[in-house]
Amino acid sequence: MILSLLKRTIGPTAAPPRQRMLEVAGRTLPLRIVESERARRLILRIDPGGQALRVTVPPGVPAREVDRFVERHHGWLETRLAKVPARPTVRPGIKVPVRGVAHLIVHEPGRRGSVSVGEVEGAPALLVHGERSHLPRRVADFLKREAKADIERLVAKHTATVGRKAKAVRFRDTSSRWGSCTSDGNLSFSWRIMMAPPLIIDYLVAHEVAHLREMNHGPRFWKLCAQLCPRTDEAKAWLKRNGSALQAIQFE
């Protein structure tokens, strides 16, 4: 979710603080101000999951200008944040998607700590063993292992197609992006993507691998991305609609 304002001519003044807290929609959220040489306007974003705000500003924009910009769009923030899904905590009895399929979380304390896929009354389930206090972490660890297996396989497939090698493949729990590719070939992915359907996982990997040849989002990049994942447009739309819900799930 993004809101922007064209840059106005301003005189020299104090730079805005890099981060502060903002009260909005009954929440206290961190607001991070990021200066960018490429920014031509003020851009306000709500991070996926609705847990943080970010304003990207051109160099030299004073703190008071940022404050006025945020205040003018307080109503926009409240409206958008009201649509952000609640943050469910992983616990017995709720459902967590795995490759797009909802799995019921079932706690079975009688066995050593592990997670296995099974069924409960004919429906998919994640059977989580061990102490109850460790259940959210065990589910997260399960998703990380599944993500590593699927994504490393897809990276190998797509890098072979583009004729480039990835220097490294890493997994993180990032709130601002699903994946990234550095100029020296390091690929990074959010393991939360393992909750999305296989098409979305494939698209994300194709997107980042395409950056190994095209470090931009120009026409050649999107053409290559579509060659690797023909349903790119469909996958992009799905992630835009549903990504915040996946980011909102708490594994704590």
Protein backbone atom coordinates (compact mmCIF):
# COMPACT_ATOMS: atom_id res chain seq x y z
CA MET A 1 0.00 0.00 0.00
CA ILE A 2 1.61 3.25 -1.15
CA LEU A 3 0.75 6.94 -1.08
CA SER A 4 2.98 9.59 -2.61
CA LEU A 5 3.31 13.35 -2.95
CA LEU A 6 5.41 15.21 -5.52
CA LYS A 7 8.46 16.87 -4.01
CA ARG A 8 8.20 20.61 -3.39
CA THR A 9 11.08 23.05 -3.46
CA ILE A 10 12.41 23.44 0.07
CA GLY A 11 15.21 25.27 1.74
CA PRO A 12 17.93 23.82 3.96
CA THR A 13 16.75 22.62 7.36
CA ALA A 14 17.11 19.76 9.80
CA ALA A 15 16.89 16.27 8.35
CA PRO A 16 14.00 14.11 9.58
CA PRO A 17 14.72 11.49 12.27
CA ARG A 18 15.23 8.05 10.81
CA GLN A 19 12.55 6.40 12.96
CA ARG A 20 9.85 7.33 15.43
CA MET A 21 6.59 5.91 16.73
CA LEU A 22 3.21 6.96 15.35
CA GLU A 23 -0.23 6.54 16.92
CA VAL A 24 -2.75 5.56 14.24
CA ALA A 25 -5.91 3.45 14.12
CA GLY A 26 -5.54 2.48 17.77
CA ARG A 27 -2.02 1.16 17.21
CA THR A 28 1.48 2.39 17.97
CA LEU A 29 3.59 1.64 14.92
CA PRO A 30 7.21 2.39 14.04
CA LEU A 31 7.49 4.99 11.28
CA ARG A 32 10.81 4.78 9.44
CA ILE A 33 12.04 7.65 7.25
CA VAL A 34 14.37 6.60 4.44
CA GLU A 35 16.26 9.09 2.28
CA SER A 36 16.82 8.00 -1.32
CA GLU A 37 18.76 9.74 -4.06
CA ARG A 38 16.35 8.21 -6.58
CA ALA A 39 13.19 9.45 -4.83
CA ARG A 40 11.40 12.30 -6.62
CA ARG A 41 8.51 12.53 -4.19
CA LEU A 42 7.47 11.55 -0.69
CA ILE A 43 6.14 7.99 -0.61
CA LEU A 44 4.22 6.53 2.33
CA ARG A 45 4.03 2.75 2.65
CA ILE A 46 2.40 0.31 5.04
CA ASP A 47 4.64 -2.71 5.38
CA PRO A 48 3.06 -6.14 4.74
CA GLY A 49 1.24 -7.29 7.85
CA GLY A 50 0.50 -3.70 8.89
CA GLN A 51 3.15 -3.67 11.63
CA ALA A 52 5.28 -0.77 10.42
CA LEU A 53 5.16 2.37 8.27
CA ARG A 54 7.80 3.80 5.99
CA VAL A 55 8.25 7.17 4.28
CA THR A 56 10.76 7.39 1.45
CA VAL A 57 11.93 10.97 0.87
CA PRO A 58 14.30 12.78 -1.49
CA PRO A 59 17.50 14.06 0.15
CA GLY A 60 17.08 17.28 2.09
CA VAL A 61 13.37 17.06 2.91
CA PRO A 62 12.96 18.60 6.39
CA ALA A 63 11.35 16.85 9.33
CA ARG A 64 8.40 19.26 9.41
CA GLU A 65 7.61 18.48 5.76
CA VAL A 66 7.52 14.75 6.54
CA ASP A 67 5.32 15.40 9.60
CA ARG A 68 2.85 17.45 7.55
CA PHE A 69 2.78 14.81 4.82
CA VAL A 70 2.01 12.01 7.31
CA GLU A 71 -0.57 14.11 9.17
CA ARG A 72 -2.42 14.99 5.95
CA HIS A 73 -2.79 11.30 5.21
CA HIS A 74 -3.71 10.14 8.71
CA GLY A 75 -7.20 9.24 7.48
CA TRP A 76 -5.77 7.24 4.59
CA LEU A 77 -3.62 5.28 7.05
CA GLU A 78 -6.57 4.55 9.32
CA THR A 79 -8.68 3.33 6.40
CA ARG A 80 -5.94 1.09 5.04
CA LEU A 81 -4.89 -0.30 8.42
CA ALA A 82 -8.51 -1.20 9.17
CA LYS A 83 -8.37 -3.57 6.19
CA VAL A 84 -5.18 -5.30 7.34
CA PRO A 85 -6.00 -8.78 8.66
CA ALA A 86 -5.75 -9.46 12.37
CA ARG A 87 -2.47 -11.00 13.48
CA PRO A 88 -3.32 -14.57 14.47
CA THR A 89 -0.78 -16.35 16.65
CA VAL A 90 0.11 -19.90 15.68
CA ARG A 91 -1.53 -22.17 18.25
CA PRO A 92 -3.51 -25.42 18.41
CA GLY A 93 -6.87 -25.20 16.66
CA ILE A 94 -6.04 -22.59 14.02
CA LYS A 95 -5.23 -23.31 10.39
CA VAL A 96 -1.97 -22.37 8.68
CA PRO A 97 -1.56 -22.76 4.91
CA VAL A 98 1.21 -24.95 3.55
CA ARG A 99 1.72 -24.55 -0.21
CA GLY A 100 -1.68 -22.87 -0.28
CA VAL A 101 -3.56 -25.66 1.53
CA ALA A 102 -4.94 -24.90 5.00
CA HIS A 103 -3.60 -27.27 7.67
CA LEU A 104 -5.12 -27.54 11.13
CA ILE A 105 -2.55 -27.14 13.93
CA VAL A 106 -2.81 -30.10 16.30
CA HIS A 107 -0.67 -30.38 19.42
CA GLU A 108 0.42 -33.88 20.39
CA PRO A 109 2.61 -33.48 23.50
CA GLY A 110 3.32 -37.17 24.07
CA ARG A 111 6.14 -37.44 21.54
CA ARG A 112 9.52 -35.80 21.04
CA GLY A 113 9.39 -32.34 19.50
CA SER A 114 8.83 -32.51 15.74
CA VAL A 115 6.24 -31.64 13.11
CA SER A 116 4.60 -34.11 10.76
CA VAL A 117 1.90 -33.79 8.12
CA GLY A 118 -1.22 -35.86 8.72
CA GLU A 119 -5.00 -35.75 8.69
CA VAL A 120 -7.68 -35.05 11.25
CA GLU A 121 -11.17 -36.20 10.26
CA GLY A 122 -10.01 -36.36 6.65
CA ALA A 123 -8.63 -32.80 6.58
CA PRO A 124 -4.93 -31.82 6.30
CA ALA A 125 -3.20 -31.18 9.60
CA LEU A 126 0.19 -30.34 11.05
CA LEU A 127 0.85 -32.58 14.03
CA VAL A 128 3.18 -30.71 16.36
CA HIS A 129 4.86 -32.74 19.08
CA GLY A 130 6.73 -31.66 22.19
CA GLU A 131 6.10 -28.88 24.69
CA ARG A 132 3.24 -26.48 23.98
CA SER A 133 5.46 -23.41 24.49
CA HIS A 134 7.65 -24.48 21.56
CA LEU A 135 4.77 -25.06 19.13
CA PRO A 136 4.93 -21.75 17.16
CA ARG A 137 8.69 -22.08 16.70
CA ARG A 138 8.39 -25.69 15.58
CA VAL A 139 5.81 -24.74 12.93
CA ALA A 140 8.07 -21.93 11.72
CA ASP A 141 11.03 -24.31 11.58
CA PHE A 142 8.93 -26.78 9.59
CA LEU A 143 8.03 -24.08 7.05
CA LYS A 144 11.69 -23.03 6.80
CA ARG A 145 12.76 -26.58 5.99
CA GLU A 146 10.03 -26.95 3.38
CA ALA A 147 10.92 -23.58 1.86
CA LYS A 148 14.60 -24.51 1.64
CA ALA A 149 13.81 -27.76 -0.17
CA ASP A 150 11.35 -26.26 -2.66
CA ILE A 151 13.14 -23.00 -3.33
CA GLU A 152 16.63 -24.46 -3.78
CA ARG A 153 15.16 -26.88 -6.33
CA LEU A 154 13.44 -24.02 -8.18
CA VAL A 155 16.57 -21.87 -8.08
CA ALA A 156 18.53 -24.68 -9.72
CA LYS A 157 15.85 -25.04 -12.38
CA HIS A 158 15.56 -21.34 -13.25
CA THR A 159 19.28 -20.53 -13.06
CA ALA A 160 19.93 -23.34 -15.53
CA THR A 161 17.44 -21.69 -17.89
CA VAL A 162 18.95 -18.20 -17.67
CA GLY A 163 22.52 -19.46 -17.70
CA ARG A 164 23.54 -17.71 -14.49
CA LYS A 165 24.51 -19.13 -11.11
CA ALA A 166 23.39 -17.90 -7.71
CA LYS A 167 26.27 -17.21 -5.36
CA ALA A 168 24.15 -18.12 -2.32
CA VAL A 169 20.52 -18.78 -1.37
CA ARG A 170 19.40 -17.46 2.00
CA PHE A 171 16.15 -17.51 3.96
CA ARG A 172 14.85 -14.79 6.26
CA ASP A 173 11.64 -13.58 7.87
CA THR A 174 11.37 -10.18 6.22
CA SER A 175 8.39 -7.86 6.53
CA SER A 176 9.10 -5.44 3.68
CA ARG A 177 9.85 -7.80 0.77
CA TRP A 178 9.40 -11.41 -0.27
CA GLY A 179 12.76 -11.80 -1.95
CA SER A 180 15.87 -9.99 -3.13
CA CYS A 181 18.88 -10.41 -5.40
CA THR A 182 22.17 -8.60 -4.86
CA SER A 183 24.47 -7.44 -7.63
CA ASP A 184 26.94 -10.20 -6.77
CA GLY A 185 24.31 -12.96 -7.09
CA ASN A 186 23.08 -13.58 -3.54
CA LEU A 187 19.40 -14.59 -3.50
CA SER A 188 17.28 -14.12 -0.39
CA PHE A 189 13.73 -15.32 0.23
CA SER A 190 11.16 -15.02 2.98
CA TRP A 191 10.37 -18.54 4.18
CA ARG A 192 6.76 -17.39 4.71
CA ILE A 193 6.24 -17.82 0.96
CA MET A 194 5.92 -21.55 1.71
CA MET A 195 2.38 -20.75 2.90
CA ALA A 196 1.46 -19.59 -0.63
CA PRO A 197 0.37 -21.89 -3.49
CA PRO A 198 3.10 -23.51 -5.62
CA LEU A 199 2.52 -21.04 -8.48
CA ILE A 200 3.35 -18.12 -6.19
CA ILE A 201 6.49 -19.82 -4.88
CA ASP A 202 7.62 -20.50 -8.44
CA TYR A 203 6.93 -16.90 -9.46
CA LEU A 204 8.93 -15.50 -6.55
CA VAL A 205 11.94 -17.65 -7.41
CA ALA A 206 11.62 -16.81 -11.11
CA HIS A 207 11.45 -13.10 -10.23
CA GLU A 208 14.64 -13.14 -8.19
CA VAL A 209 16.53 -15.40 -10.61
CA ALA A 210 15.58 -13.06 -13.47
CA HIS A 211 17.44 -10.33 -11.58
CA LEU A 212 20.65 -12.31 -12.06
CA ARG A 213 20.48 -11.12 -15.66
CA GLU A 214 18.41 -7.95 -15.33
CA MET A 215 19.00 -5.89 -12.17
CA ASN A 216 15.98 -3.71 -12.83
CA HIS A 217 12.24 -3.91 -13.44
CA GLY A 218 12.31 -2.84 -17.06
CA PRO A 219 10.61 -4.50 -20.04
CA ARG A 220 13.43 -7.01 -20.58
CA PHE A 221 13.22 -8.09 -16.95
CA TRP A 222 9.46 -8.73 -17.10
CA LYS A 223 9.81 -10.54 -20.41
CA LEU A 224 12.40 -12.87 -18.87
CA CYS A 225 10.29 -13.31 -15.74
CA ALA A 226 7.30 -14.33 -17.89
CA GLN A 227 9.48 -16.80 -19.78
CA LEU A 228 10.46 -18.45 -16.51
CA CYS A 229 6.95 -18.26 -15.02
CA PRO A 230 4.28 -17.87 -17.75
CA ARG A 231 1.59 -17.04 -15.14
CA THR A 232 3.57 -14.12 -13.73
CA ASP A 233 0.69 -11.62 -13.90
CA GLU A 234 -1.64 -14.01 -12.08
CA ALA A 235 0.96 -14.69 -9.39
CA LYS A 236 1.73 -10.99 -8.89
CA ALA A 237 -1.97 -10.25 -8.41
CA TRP A 238 -2.37 -13.10 -5.90
CA LEU A 239 0.58 -11.92 -3.83
CA LYS A 240 -0.72 -8.35 -3.83
CA ARG A 241 -4.13 -9.53 -2.58
CA ASN A 242 -2.98 -12.10 -0.04
CA GLY A 243 0.59 -11.26 0.94
CA SER A 244 -0.38 -9.14 3.95
CA ALA A 245 -2.37 -12.00 5.48
CA LEU A 246 0.67 -14.29 5.30
CA GLN A 247 2.91 -11.61 6.79
CA ALA A 248 0.43 -11.05 9.63
CA ILE A 249 0.69 -14.57 11.09
CA GLN A 250 2.74 -14.52 14.30
CA PHE A 251 5.19 -17.32 14.98
CA GLU A 252 6.05 -16.23 18.51
